[in-house]
Amino acid sequence: MKMARNSNTHVVPGSGNALDAMKFEVANELGLSNYNQIDKGQLTSRQNGYVGGNITKRLVALGEAALSQQTAGAIGATASVGLDTPQR
């Protein structure tokens, strides 16, 4: 069987370890222990989707918390990582 090639790049260099830790924590909370050793192809789409969906919810919550602090760093963060919104 051919292994999938991960061509995703992180917007913030060095964030991979933190994102992996979050992924394994979420999977464990959902009852998928040893998620880092499981063949993801053997899991259902629903199981994999729950992990990804919960990660997204947490990342959005982190972003909202940062924005609610009204810090210049949080509000200008997208500019520093190349996520500027194009002007119309």
N, C-alpha and C. Protein backbone atom coordinates (compact mmCIF):
# COMPACT_ATOMS: atom_id res chain seq x y z
N MET A 1 0.84 -1.17 0.00
CA MET A 1 0.00 0.00 0.00
C MET A 1 0.90 1.24 0.00
N LYS A 2 0.50 2.24 -0.74
CA LYS A 2 1.24 3.49 -0.85
C LYS A 2 0.91 4.41 0.32
N MET A 3 1.94 4.99 0.93
CA MET A 3 1.72 5.93 2.04
C MET A 3 1.37 7.31 1.48
N ALA A 4 0.47 7.99 2.15
CA ALA A 4 0.09 9.34 1.75
C ALA A 4 1.26 10.29 2.01
N ARG A 5 1.45 11.21 1.13
CA ARG A 5 2.51 12.20 1.30
C ARG A 5 1.88 13.48 1.83
N ASN A 6 2.38 13.96 2.95
CA ASN A 6 1.85 15.17 3.56
C ASN A 6 2.59 16.37 2.99
N SER A 7 1.90 17.16 2.19
CA SER A 7 2.51 18.34 1.59
C SER A 7 2.04 19.62 2.27
N ASN A 8 1.31 19.49 3.38
CA ASN A 8 0.85 20.68 4.10
C ASN A 8 2.03 21.40 4.73
N THR A 9 1.99 22.70 4.68
CA THR A 9 3.02 23.48 5.36
C THR A 9 2.34 24.32 6.42
N HIS A 10 3.05 24.54 7.52
CA HIS A 10 2.49 25.33 8.61
C HIS A 10 2.69 26.80 8.32
N VAL A 11 1.69 27.59 8.63
CA VAL A 11 1.76 29.03 8.42
C VAL A 11 2.81 29.63 9.36
N VAL A 12 2.85 29.12 10.59
CA VAL A 12 3.83 29.58 11.57
C VAL A 12 4.88 28.49 11.73
N PRO A 13 6.11 28.74 11.27
CA PRO A 13 7.15 27.72 11.40
C PRO A 13 7.35 27.33 12.86
N GLY A 14 7.55 26.05 13.10
CA GLY A 14 7.78 25.56 14.44
C GLY A 14 6.51 25.23 15.21
N SER A 15 5.35 25.39 14.59
CA SER A 15 4.10 25.11 15.29
C SER A 15 3.69 23.65 15.18
N GLY A 16 4.39 22.88 14.40
CA GLY A 16 4.02 21.48 14.15
C GLY A 16 3.92 20.64 15.40
N ASN A 17 4.88 20.76 16.31
CA ASN A 17 4.84 19.95 17.53
C ASN A 17 3.63 20.27 18.38
N ALA A 18 3.30 21.56 18.51
CA ALA A 18 2.14 21.95 19.30
C ALA A 18 0.84 21.45 18.65
N LEU A 19 0.76 21.52 17.33
CA LEU A 19 -0.43 21.04 16.64
C LEU A 19 -0.57 19.53 16.77
N ASP A 20 0.56 18.81 16.68
CA ASP A 20 0.51 17.36 16.85
C ASP A 20 0.06 17.01 18.27
N ALA A 21 0.58 17.72 19.27
CA ALA A 21 0.18 17.45 20.66
C ALA A 21 -1.31 17.68 20.83
N MET A 22 -1.84 18.74 20.20
CA MET A 22 -3.27 19.02 20.29
C MET A 22 -4.06 17.90 19.61
N LYS A 23 -3.58 17.44 18.48
CA LYS A 23 -4.26 16.37 17.74
C LYS A 23 -4.35 15.10 18.59
N PHE A 24 -3.25 14.72 19.23
CA PHE A 24 -3.24 13.51 20.04
C PHE A 24 -4.10 13.67 21.29
N GLU A 25 -4.11 14.87 21.87
CA GLU A 25 -4.94 15.14 23.04
C GLU A 25 -6.42 15.03 22.68
N VAL A 26 -6.81 15.63 21.56
CA VAL A 26 -8.21 15.59 21.11
C VAL A 26 -8.61 14.15 20.81
N ALA A 27 -7.76 13.42 20.09
CA ALA A 27 -8.07 12.03 19.75
C ALA A 27 -8.24 11.19 21.00
N ASN A 28 -7.37 11.40 21.98
CA ASN A 28 -7.47 10.64 23.23
C ASN A 28 -8.78 10.95 23.95
N GLU A 29 -9.17 12.23 23.97
CA GLU A 29 -10.43 12.62 24.60
C GLU A 29 -11.63 12.00 23.89
N LEU A 30 -11.48 11.73 22.60
CA LEU A 30 -12.57 11.13 21.83
C LEU A 30 -12.53 9.60 21.87
N GLY A 31 -11.61 9.05 22.67
CA GLY A 31 -11.53 7.60 22.82
C GLY A 31 -10.63 6.91 21.82
N LEU A 32 -9.83 7.66 21.09
CA LEU A 32 -8.91 7.08 20.12
C LEU A 32 -7.49 7.10 20.70
N SER A 33 -7.24 6.17 21.62
CA SER A 33 -5.92 6.14 22.25
C SER A 33 -4.88 5.67 21.24
N ASN A 34 -3.65 6.07 21.44
CA ASN A 34 -2.53 5.75 20.55
C ASN A 34 -2.78 6.22 19.12
N TYR A 35 -3.41 7.38 18.98
CA TYR A 35 -3.76 7.92 17.66
C TYR A 35 -2.53 8.10 16.78
N ASN A 36 -1.38 8.41 17.39
CA ASN A 36 -0.18 8.61 16.59
C ASN A 36 0.33 7.31 15.99
N GLN A 37 -0.11 6.16 16.49
CA GLN A 37 0.35 4.87 15.97
C GLN A 37 -0.72 4.15 15.15
N ILE A 38 -1.92 4.68 15.15
CA ILE A 38 -3.03 4.04 14.42
C ILE A 38 -2.90 4.34 12.94
N ASP A 39 -3.21 3.33 12.10
CA ASP A 39 -3.30 3.55 10.66
C ASP A 39 -4.59 4.31 10.41
N LYS A 40 -4.47 5.59 10.07
CA LYS A 40 -5.66 6.45 9.92
C LYS A 40 -6.60 5.95 8.83
N GLY A 41 -6.08 5.17 7.89
CA GLY A 41 -6.91 4.60 6.84
C GLY A 41 -7.87 3.54 7.35
N GLN A 42 -7.59 3.01 8.54
CA GLN A 42 -8.46 2.01 9.13
C GLN A 42 -9.58 2.63 9.97
N LEU A 43 -9.50 3.94 10.19
CA LEU A 43 -10.54 4.65 10.93
C LEU A 43 -11.63 5.11 9.97
N THR A 44 -12.81 5.32 10.49
CA THR A 44 -13.89 5.81 9.64
C THR A 44 -13.68 7.30 9.35
N SER A 45 -14.30 7.77 8.31
CA SER A 45 -14.25 9.20 8.00
C SER A 45 -14.82 10.02 9.15
N ARG A 46 -15.83 9.49 9.79
CA ARG A 46 -16.45 10.18 10.92
C ARG A 46 -15.45 10.33 12.06
N GLN A 47 -14.70 9.27 12.37
CA GLN A 47 -13.72 9.34 13.45
C GLN A 47 -12.64 10.37 13.14
N ASN A 48 -12.09 10.30 11.94
CA ASN A 48 -11.06 11.27 11.56
C ASN A 48 -11.63 12.68 11.51
N GLY A 49 -12.87 12.81 11.07
CA GLY A 49 -13.52 14.12 11.00
C GLY A 49 -13.75 14.73 12.37
N TYR A 50 -14.09 13.88 13.36
CA TYR A 50 -14.27 14.38 14.72
C TYR A 50 -12.98 14.98 15.25
N VAL A 51 -11.87 14.31 14.98
CA VAL A 51 -10.57 14.82 15.45
C VAL A 51 -10.30 16.17 14.80
N GLY A 52 -10.39 16.24 13.48
CA GLY A 52 -10.12 17.49 12.77
C GLY A 52 -11.08 18.59 13.15
N GLY A 53 -12.35 18.25 13.31
CA GLY A 53 -13.35 19.26 13.68
C GLY A 53 -13.11 19.83 15.06
N ASN A 54 -12.74 18.97 16.00
CA ASN A 54 -12.47 19.45 17.35
C ASN A 54 -11.20 20.27 17.42
N ILE A 55 -10.20 19.93 16.61
CA ILE A 55 -8.99 20.75 16.55
C ILE A 55 -9.35 22.14 16.03
N THR A 56 -10.16 22.19 14.98
CA THR A 56 -10.57 23.47 14.41
C THR A 56 -11.32 24.31 15.44
N LYS A 57 -12.23 23.69 16.19
CA LYS A 57 -12.96 24.42 17.22
C LYS A 57 -12.01 25.03 18.24
N ARG A 58 -11.00 24.25 18.65
CA ARG A 58 -10.04 24.76 19.63
C ARG A 58 -9.20 25.90 19.07
N LEU A 59 -8.77 25.76 17.83
CA LEU A 59 -7.96 26.81 17.23
C LEU A 59 -8.76 28.10 17.06
N VAL A 60 -10.02 27.98 16.69
CA VAL A 60 -10.88 29.15 16.58
C VAL A 60 -11.06 29.79 17.96
N ALA A 61 -11.26 28.97 18.98
CA ALA A 61 -11.43 29.50 20.34
C ALA A 61 -10.15 30.23 20.79
N LEU A 62 -8.99 29.67 20.46
CA LEU A 62 -7.73 30.34 20.80
C LEU A 62 -7.62 31.69 20.09
N GLY A 63 -7.99 31.71 18.82
CA GLY A 63 -7.96 32.96 18.06
C GLY A 63 -8.92 33.98 18.61
N GLU A 64 -10.13 33.55 18.95
CA GLU A 64 -11.12 34.47 19.51
C GLU A 64 -10.65 35.02 20.85
N ALA A 65 -10.03 34.17 21.66
CA ALA A 65 -9.53 34.62 22.96
C ALA A 65 -8.44 35.67 22.77
N ALA A 66 -7.56 35.43 21.80
CA ALA A 66 -6.48 36.39 21.53
C ALA A 66 -7.06 37.71 21.03
N LEU A 67 -8.06 37.65 20.16
CA LEU A 67 -8.66 38.87 19.64
C LEU A 67 -9.43 39.62 20.72
N SER A 68 -10.04 38.89 21.65
CA SER A 68 -10.81 39.55 22.71
C SER A 68 -9.90 40.32 23.66
N GLN A 69 -8.62 39.99 23.68
CA GLN A 69 -7.67 40.71 24.52
C GLN A 69 -7.33 42.08 23.92
N GLN A 70 -7.70 42.28 22.66
CA GLN A 70 -7.48 43.54 21.96
C GLN A 70 -6.00 43.96 21.95
N THR A 71 -5.13 42.99 21.87
CA THR A 71 -3.71 43.31 21.81
C THR A 71 -3.31 43.54 20.36
N ALA A 72 -2.38 44.43 20.17
CA ALA A 72 -1.91 44.72 18.82
C ALA A 72 -1.32 43.47 18.19
N GLY A 73 -0.67 42.65 18.99
CA GLY A 73 -0.08 41.42 18.47
C GLY A 73 -1.12 40.47 17.91
N ALA A 74 -2.26 40.35 18.60
CA ALA A 74 -3.30 39.44 18.15
C ALA A 74 -3.97 39.96 16.89
N ILE A 75 -4.23 41.25 16.87
CA ILE A 75 -4.94 41.82 15.73
C ILE A 75 -4.05 41.88 14.50
N GLY A 76 -2.78 42.14 14.67
CA GLY A 76 -1.86 42.20 13.54
C GLY A 76 -1.18 40.88 13.22
N ALA A 77 -1.59 39.80 13.89
CA ALA A 77 -0.91 38.52 13.74
C ALA A 77 -0.98 37.98 12.32
N THR A 78 -2.09 38.18 11.64
CA THR A 78 -2.20 37.62 10.30
C THR A 78 -1.26 38.31 9.33
N ALA A 79 -0.96 39.56 9.55
CA ALA A 79 -0.02 40.26 8.67
C ALA A 79 1.38 39.69 8.80
N SER A 80 1.75 39.29 10.02
CA SER A 80 3.10 38.78 10.23
C SER A 80 3.32 37.39 9.67
N VAL A 81 2.26 36.66 9.37
CA VAL A 81 2.41 35.32 8.82
C VAL A 81 1.91 35.23 7.38
N GLY A 82 1.66 36.36 6.77
CA GLY A 82 1.26 36.36 5.35
C GLY A 82 -0.18 36.03 5.10
N LEU A 83 -1.07 36.32 6.03
CA LEU A 83 -2.48 36.08 5.84
C LEU A 83 -3.28 37.36 5.72
N ASP A 84 -2.68 38.38 5.17
CA ASP A 84 -3.37 39.65 5.01
C ASP A 84 -4.62 39.45 4.15
N THR A 85 -5.66 40.15 4.48
CA THR A 85 -6.86 40.14 3.67
C THR A 85 -6.67 41.09 2.50
N PRO A 86 -6.84 40.61 1.28
CA PRO A 86 -6.63 41.50 0.12
C PRO A 86 -7.64 42.64 0.13
N GLN A 87 -7.18 43.80 -0.23
CA GLN A 87 -8.05 44.98 -0.33
C GLN A 87 -8.85 44.91 -1.62
N ARG A 88 -10.08 45.30 -1.56
CA ARG A 88 -10.95 45.25 -2.76
C ARG A 88 -10.92 46.57 -3.47
